[in-house]
C-alpha atoms as a PDB file:
ATOM      1  CA  UNK A   1      69.312  61.285 114.111  1.00  0.00           C
ATOM      2  CA  UNK A   2      68.603  63.811 116.840  1.00  0.00           C
ATOM      3  CA  UNK A   3      71.900  63.312 118.686  1.00  0.00           C
ATOM      4  CA  UNK A   4      73.853  64.551 115.660  1.00  0.00           C
ATOM      5  CA  UNK A   5      71.489  67.064 114.023  1.00  0.00           C
ATOM      6  CA  UNK A   6      72.228  70.615 115.232  1.00  0.00           C
ATOM      7  CA  UNK A   7      69.046  72.057 113.735  1.00  0.00           C
ATOM      8  CA  UNK A   8      66.939  70.100 116.211  1.00  0.00           C
ATOM      9  CA  UNK A   9      68.864  71.651 119.128  1.00  0.00           C
ATOM     10  CA  UNK A  10      68.540  75.291 118.061  1.00  0.00           C
ATOM     11  CA  UNK A  11      66.046  76.342 120.739  1.00  0.00           C
ATOM     12  CA  UNK A  12      68.017  74.686 123.531  1.00  0.00           C
ATOM     13  CA  UNK A  13      71.218  76.479 122.561  1.00  0.00           C
ATOM     14  CA  UNK A  14      69.397  79.816 122.342  1.00  0.00           C
ATOM     15  CA  UNK A  15      68.082  79.260 125.873  1.00  0.00           C
ATOM     16  CA  UNK A  16      71.442  78.089 127.243  1.00  0.00           C
ATOM     17  CA  UNK A  17      73.352  81.002 125.714  1.00  0.00           C
ATOM     18  CA  UNK A  18      70.912  83.578 127.061  1.00  0.00           C
ATOM     19  CA  UNK A  19      70.686  82.048 130.524  1.00  0.00           C
ATOM     20  CA  UNK A  20      74.464  81.624 130.870  1.00  0.00           C
ATOM     21  CA  UNK A  21      75.140  85.183 129.682  1.00  0.00           C
ATOM     22  CA  UNK A  22      72.617  86.590 132.151  1.00  0.00           C
ATOM     23  CA  UNK A  23      74.070  84.554 135.027  1.00  0.00           C
ATOM     24  CA  UNK A  24      77.627  85.540 134.089  1.00  0.00           C
ATOM     25  CA  UNK A  25      76.602  89.200 134.220  1.00  0.00           C
ATOM     26  CA  UNK A  26      74.977  88.773 137.617  1.00  0.00           C
ATOM     27  CA  UNK A  27      77.997  86.908 138.988  1.00  0.00           C
ATOM     28  CA  UNK A  28      80.345  89.589 137.645  1.00  0.00           C
ATOM     29  CA  UNK A  29      78.379  92.300 139.471  1.00  0.00           C
ATOM     30  CA  UNK A  30      78.105  90.245 142.657  1.00  0.00           C
ATOM     31  CA  UNK A  31      81.844  89.495 142.655  1.00  0.00           C
ATOM     32  CA  UNK A  32      82.557  93.185 142.093  1.00  0.00           C
ATOM     33  CA  UNK A  33      80.432  94.077 145.109  1.00  0.00           C
ATOM     34  CA  UNK A  34      82.129  91.423 147.285  1.00  0.00           C
ATOM     35  CA  UNK A  35      85.673  91.780 145.953  1.00  0.00           C
ATOM     36  CA  UNK A  36      87.128  92.805 149.333  1.00  0.00           C
ATOM     37  CA  UNK A  37      85.837  89.623 150.989  1.00  0.00           C
ATOM     38  CA  UNK A  38      86.930  87.493 148.031  1.00  0.00           C
ATOM     39  CA  UNK A  39      90.460  88.902 147.971  1.00  0.00           C
ATOM     40  CA  UNK A  40      90.986  88.027 151.653  1.00  0.00           C
ATOM     41  CA  UNK A  41      90.952  84.287 150.920  1.00  0.00           C
ATOM     42  CA  UNK A  42      93.635  83.197 148.414  1.00  0.00           C
ATOM     43  CA  UNK A  43      91.476  80.461 146.823  1.00  0.00           C
ATOM     44  CA  UNK A  44      88.401  82.610 146.151  1.00  0.00           C
ATOM     45  CA  UNK A  45      89.644  84.804 143.255  1.00  0.00           C
ATOM     46  CA  UNK A  46      90.348  81.608 141.330  1.00  0.00           C
ATOM     47  CA  UNK A  47      86.906  80.285 142.249  1.00  0.00           C
ATOM     48  CA  UNK A  48      85.346  83.496 140.937  1.00  0.00           C
ATOM     49  CA  UNK A  49      87.312  83.181 137.691  1.00  0.00           C
ATOM     50  CA  UNK A  50      86.237  79.558 137.305  1.00  0.00           C
ATOM     51  CA  UNK A  51      82.607  80.448 137.918  1.00  0.00           C
ATOM     52  CA  UNK A  52      82.678  83.128 135.247  1.00  0.00           C
ATOM     53  CA  UNK A  53      84.768  80.926 132.954  1.00  0.00           C
ATOM     54  CA  UNK A  54      82.297  78.035 133.107  1.00  0.00           C
ATOM     55  CA  UNK A  55      79.375  80.343 132.344  1.00  0.00           C
ATOM     56  CA  UNK A  56      81.199  82.040 129.468  1.00  0.00           C
ATOM     57  CA  UNK A  57      82.083  78.538 128.232  1.00  0.00           C
ATOM     58  CA  UNK A  58      78.351  77.812 127.954  1.00  0.00           C
ATOM     59  CA  UNK A  59      77.867  81.044 126.013  1.00  0.00           C
ATOM     60  CA  UNK A  60      80.700  80.072 123.656  1.00  0.00           C
ATOM     61  CA  UNK A  61      79.242  76.577 123.287  1.00  0.00           C
ATOM     62  CA  UNK A  62      75.974  78.180 122.211  1.00  0.00           C
ATOM     63  CA  UNK A  63      77.797  80.434 119.734  1.00  0.00           C
ATOM     64  CA  UNK A  64      79.482  77.376 118.222  1.00  0.00           C
ATOM     65  CA  UNK A  65      76.226  75.433 117.974  1.00  0.00           C
ATOM     66  CA  UNK A  66      74.224  78.358 116.575  1.00  0.00           C
ATOM     67  CA  UNK A  67      76.713  79.502 113.926  1.00  0.00           C
ATOM     68  CA  UNK A  68      75.003  78.665 110.639  1.00  0.00           C
ATOM     69  CA  UNK A  69      76.596  76.756 107.805  1.00  0.00           C
ATOM     70  CA  UNK A  70      79.067  74.724 109.858  1.00  0.00           C
ATOM     71  CA  UNK A  71      79.407  71.018 109.234  1.00  0.00           C
ATOM     72  CA  UNK A  72      79.070  68.421 111.979  1.00  0.00           C
ATOM     73  CA  UNK A  73      82.842  67.892 111.747  1.00  0.00           C
ATOM     74  CA  UNK A  74      83.592  71.580 112.340  1.00  0.00           C
ATOM     75  CA  UNK A  75      81.134  71.866 115.246  1.00  0.00           C
ATOM     76  CA  UNK A  76      82.466  68.643 116.782  1.00  0.00           C
ATOM     77  CA  UNK A  77      86.052  69.893 116.515  1.00  0.00           C
ATOM     78  CA  UNK A  78      85.230  73.314 117.949  1.00  0.00           C
ATOM     79  CA  UNK A  79      83.224  71.772 120.770  1.00  0.00           C
ATOM     80  CA  UNK A  80      85.942  69.298 121.726  1.00  0.00           C
ATOM     81  CA  UNK A  81      88.497  72.123 121.591  1.00  0.00           C
ATOM     82  CA  UNK A  82      86.371  74.352 123.813  1.00  0.00           C
ATOM     83  CA  UNK A  83      85.939  71.501 126.286  1.00  0.00           C
ATOM     84  CA  UNK A  84      89.668  70.824 126.315  1.00  0.00           C
ATOM     85  CA  UNK A  85      90.513  74.490 126.851  1.00  0.00           C
ATOM     86  CA  UNK A  86      87.931  74.744 129.655  1.00  0.00           C
ATOM     87  CA  UNK A  87      89.305  71.630 131.338  1.00  0.00           C
ATOM     88  CA  UNK A  88      92.867  72.965 131.200  1.00  0.00           C
ATOM     89  CA  UNK A  89      91.775  76.397 132.520  1.00  0.00           C
ATOM     90  CA  UNK A  90      89.823  74.975 135.465  1.00  0.00           C
ATOM     91  CA  UNK A  91      92.457  72.365 136.334  1.00  0.00           C
ATOM     92  CA  UNK A  92      95.342  74.850 136.174  1.00  0.00           C
ATOM     93  CA  UNK A  93      93.442  77.378 138.309  1.00  0.00           C
ATOM     94  CA  UNK A  94      92.748  74.738 140.948  1.00  0.00           C
ATOM     95  CA  UNK A  95      96.279  73.374 141.017  1.00  0.00           C
ATOM     96  CA  UNK A  96      97.749  76.881 141.202  1.00  0.00           C
ATOM     97  CA  UNK A  97      95.584  77.865 144.172  1.00  0.00           C
ATOM     98  CA  UNK A  98      95.708  74.428 145.783  1.00  0.00           C
ATOM     99  CA  UNK A  99      99.047  75.330 147.364  1.00  0.00           C
ATOM    100  CA  UNK A 100      97.229  77.987 149.437  1.00  0.00           C
ATOM    101  CA  UNK A 101      94.547  75.587 150.581  1.00  0.00           C
ATOM    102  CA  UNK A 102      95.446  73.754 153.773  1.00  0.00           C
ATOM    103  CA  UNK A 103      92.380  71.534 153.365  1.00  0.00           C
ATOM    104  CA  UNK A 104      93.416  69.172 150.556  1.00  0.00           C
ATOM    105  CA  UNK A 105      89.854  67.867 150.255  1.00  0.00           C
ATOM    106  CA  UNK A 106      88.732  71.295 149.012  1.00  0.00           C
ATOM    107  CA  UNK A 107      91.350  71.224 146.268  1.00  0.00           C
ATOM    108  CA  UNK A 108      90.353  67.692 145.312  1.00  0.00           C
ATOM    109  CA  UNK A 109      86.653  68.582 145.305  1.00  0.00           C
ATOM    110  CA  UNK A 110      87.288  71.624 143.077  1.00  0.00           C
ATOM    111  CA  UNK A 111      89.304  69.447 140.685  1.00  0.00           C
ATOM    112  CA  UNK A 112      86.483  66.892 140.569  1.00  0.00           C
ATOM    113  CA  UNK A 113      83.802  69.548 140.073  1.00  0.00           C
ATOM    114  CA  UNK A 114      85.908  71.144 137.343  1.00  0.00           C
ATOM    115  CA  UNK A 115      86.166  67.802 135.553  1.00  0.00           C
ATOM    116  CA  UNK A 116      82.423  67.150 135.874  1.00  0.00           C
ATOM    117  CA  UNK A 117      81.720  70.628 134.484  1.00  0.00           C
ATOM    118  CA  UNK A 118      84.052  70.359 131.456  1.00  0.00           C
ATOM    119  CA  UNK A 119      84.585  66.754 130.339  1.00  0.00           C
ATOM    120  CA  UNK A 120      81.049  66.337 128.923  1.00  0.00           C
ATOM    121  CA  UNK A 121      81.884  69.065 126.379  1.00  0.00           C
ATOM    122  CA  UNK A 122      84.894  67.074 125.222  1.00  0.00           C
ATOM    123  CA  UNK A 123      82.763  63.911 125.049  1.00  0.00           C
ATOM    124  CA  UNK A 124      80.079  65.771 123.113  1.00  0.00           C
ATOM    125  CA  UNK A 125      82.561  67.067 120.568  1.00  0.00           C
ATOM    126  CA  UNK A 126      84.315  63.727 120.105  1.00  0.00           C
ATOM    127  CA  UNK A 127      81.088  61.737 119.808  1.00  0.00           C
ATOM    128  CA  UNK A 128      79.661  64.321 117.415  1.00  0.00           C
ATOM    129  CA  UNK A 129      82.762  63.850 115.256  1.00  0.00           C
ATOM    130  CA  UNK A 130      82.422  60.058 115.456  1.00  0.00           C
ATOM    131  CA  UNK A 131      78.644  60.243 114.967  1.00  0.00           C
ATOM    132  CA  UNK A 132      78.375  57.622 117.698  1.00  0.00           C
ATOM    133  CA  UNK A 133      78.242  57.604 121.471  1.00  0.00           C
ATOM    134  CA  UNK A 134      75.754  60.305 122.396  1.00  0.00           C
ATOM    135  CA  UNK A 135      76.705  63.401 120.414  1.00  0.00           C
ATOM    136  CA  UNK A 136      74.745  66.457 121.424  1.00  0.00           C
ATOM    137  CA  UNK A 137      73.150  64.706 124.383  1.00  0.00           C
ATOM    138  CA  UNK A 138      76.526  65.061 126.125  1.00  0.00           C
ATOM    139  CA  UNK A 139      76.113  68.813 125.814  1.00  0.00           C
ATOM    140  CA  UNK A 140      72.903  68.614 127.833  1.00  0.00           C
ATOM    141  CA  UNK A 141      74.919  66.857 130.535  1.00  0.00           C
ATOM    142  CA  UNK A 142      77.488  69.671 130.228  1.00  0.00           C
ATOM    143  CA  UNK A 143      74.871  72.390 130.643  1.00  0.00           C
ATOM    144  CA  UNK A 144      73.343  70.766 133.709  1.00  0.00           C
ATOM    145  CA  UNK A 145      76.714  70.043 135.332  1.00  0.00           C
ATOM    146  CA  UNK A 146      78.170  73.495 134.633  1.00  0.00           C
ATOM    147  CA  UNK A 147      75.041  75.252 135.886  1.00  0.00           C
ATOM    148  CA  UNK A 148      75.022  73.227 139.117  1.00  0.00           C
ATOM    149  CA  UNK A 149      78.731  73.819 139.733  1.00  0.00           C
ATOM    150  CA  UNK A 150      78.484  77.548 139.031  1.00  0.00           C
ATOM    151  CA  UNK A 151      75.451  77.960 141.298  1.00  0.00           C
ATOM    152  CA  UNK A 152      77.359  76.157 144.062  1.00  0.00           C
ATOM    153  CA  UNK A 153      80.417  78.365 143.542  1.00  0.00           C
ATOM    154  CA  UNK A 154      78.245  81.476 143.384  1.00  0.00           C
ATOM    155  CA  UNK A 155      76.731  80.543 146.741  1.00  0.00           C
ATOM    156  CA  UNK A 156      80.213  80.298 148.251  1.00  0.00           C
ATOM    157  CA  UNK A 157      81.274  83.630 146.731  1.00  0.00           C
ATOM    158  CA  UNK A 158      78.160  85.520 147.733  1.00  0.00           C
ATOM    159  CA  UNK A 159      76.916  83.964 150.962  1.00  0.00           C
ATOM    160  CA  UNK A 160      79.470  81.697 152.619  1.00  0.00           C
ATOM    161  CA  UNK A 161      82.297  84.267 152.548  1.00  0.00           C
ATOM    162  CA  UNK A 162      80.266  86.572 154.752  1.00  0.00           C
ATOM    163  CA  UNK A 163      79.812  84.010 157.539  1.00  0.00           C
END
């Protein structure tokens, strides 16, 4: 049962962990170089934190999946917990900075993107625990969604702020 057998996903998690760690490092350097521009707009420091947080979340997801000797129950619990913590972090960051954003649509869009980039981890953990409903395939959805959201946010932080 591929959706619930971690051994079959080893190579994917190695790739995801390495790619997310490399991107997080690049984003950290880029944000450091653009910190003056980022600090001028009250919403952007939170966006930078979310971008890094989502990428580090993928690294942590890979650590969970690659830790040997863990049962499906333990990995499912850790994964659901990581997804829940990521969802709370992203949602709280967006609600906290939403008060500074006069364009409500931007706050709503960040909340929606945060949900899209975190809820699949929760679904993956829960369905892995239940051994029904998609299991590890949800984590592929998570990786794709989080990568797309972080690339979009990185574009804003590195290019759009200079316009």
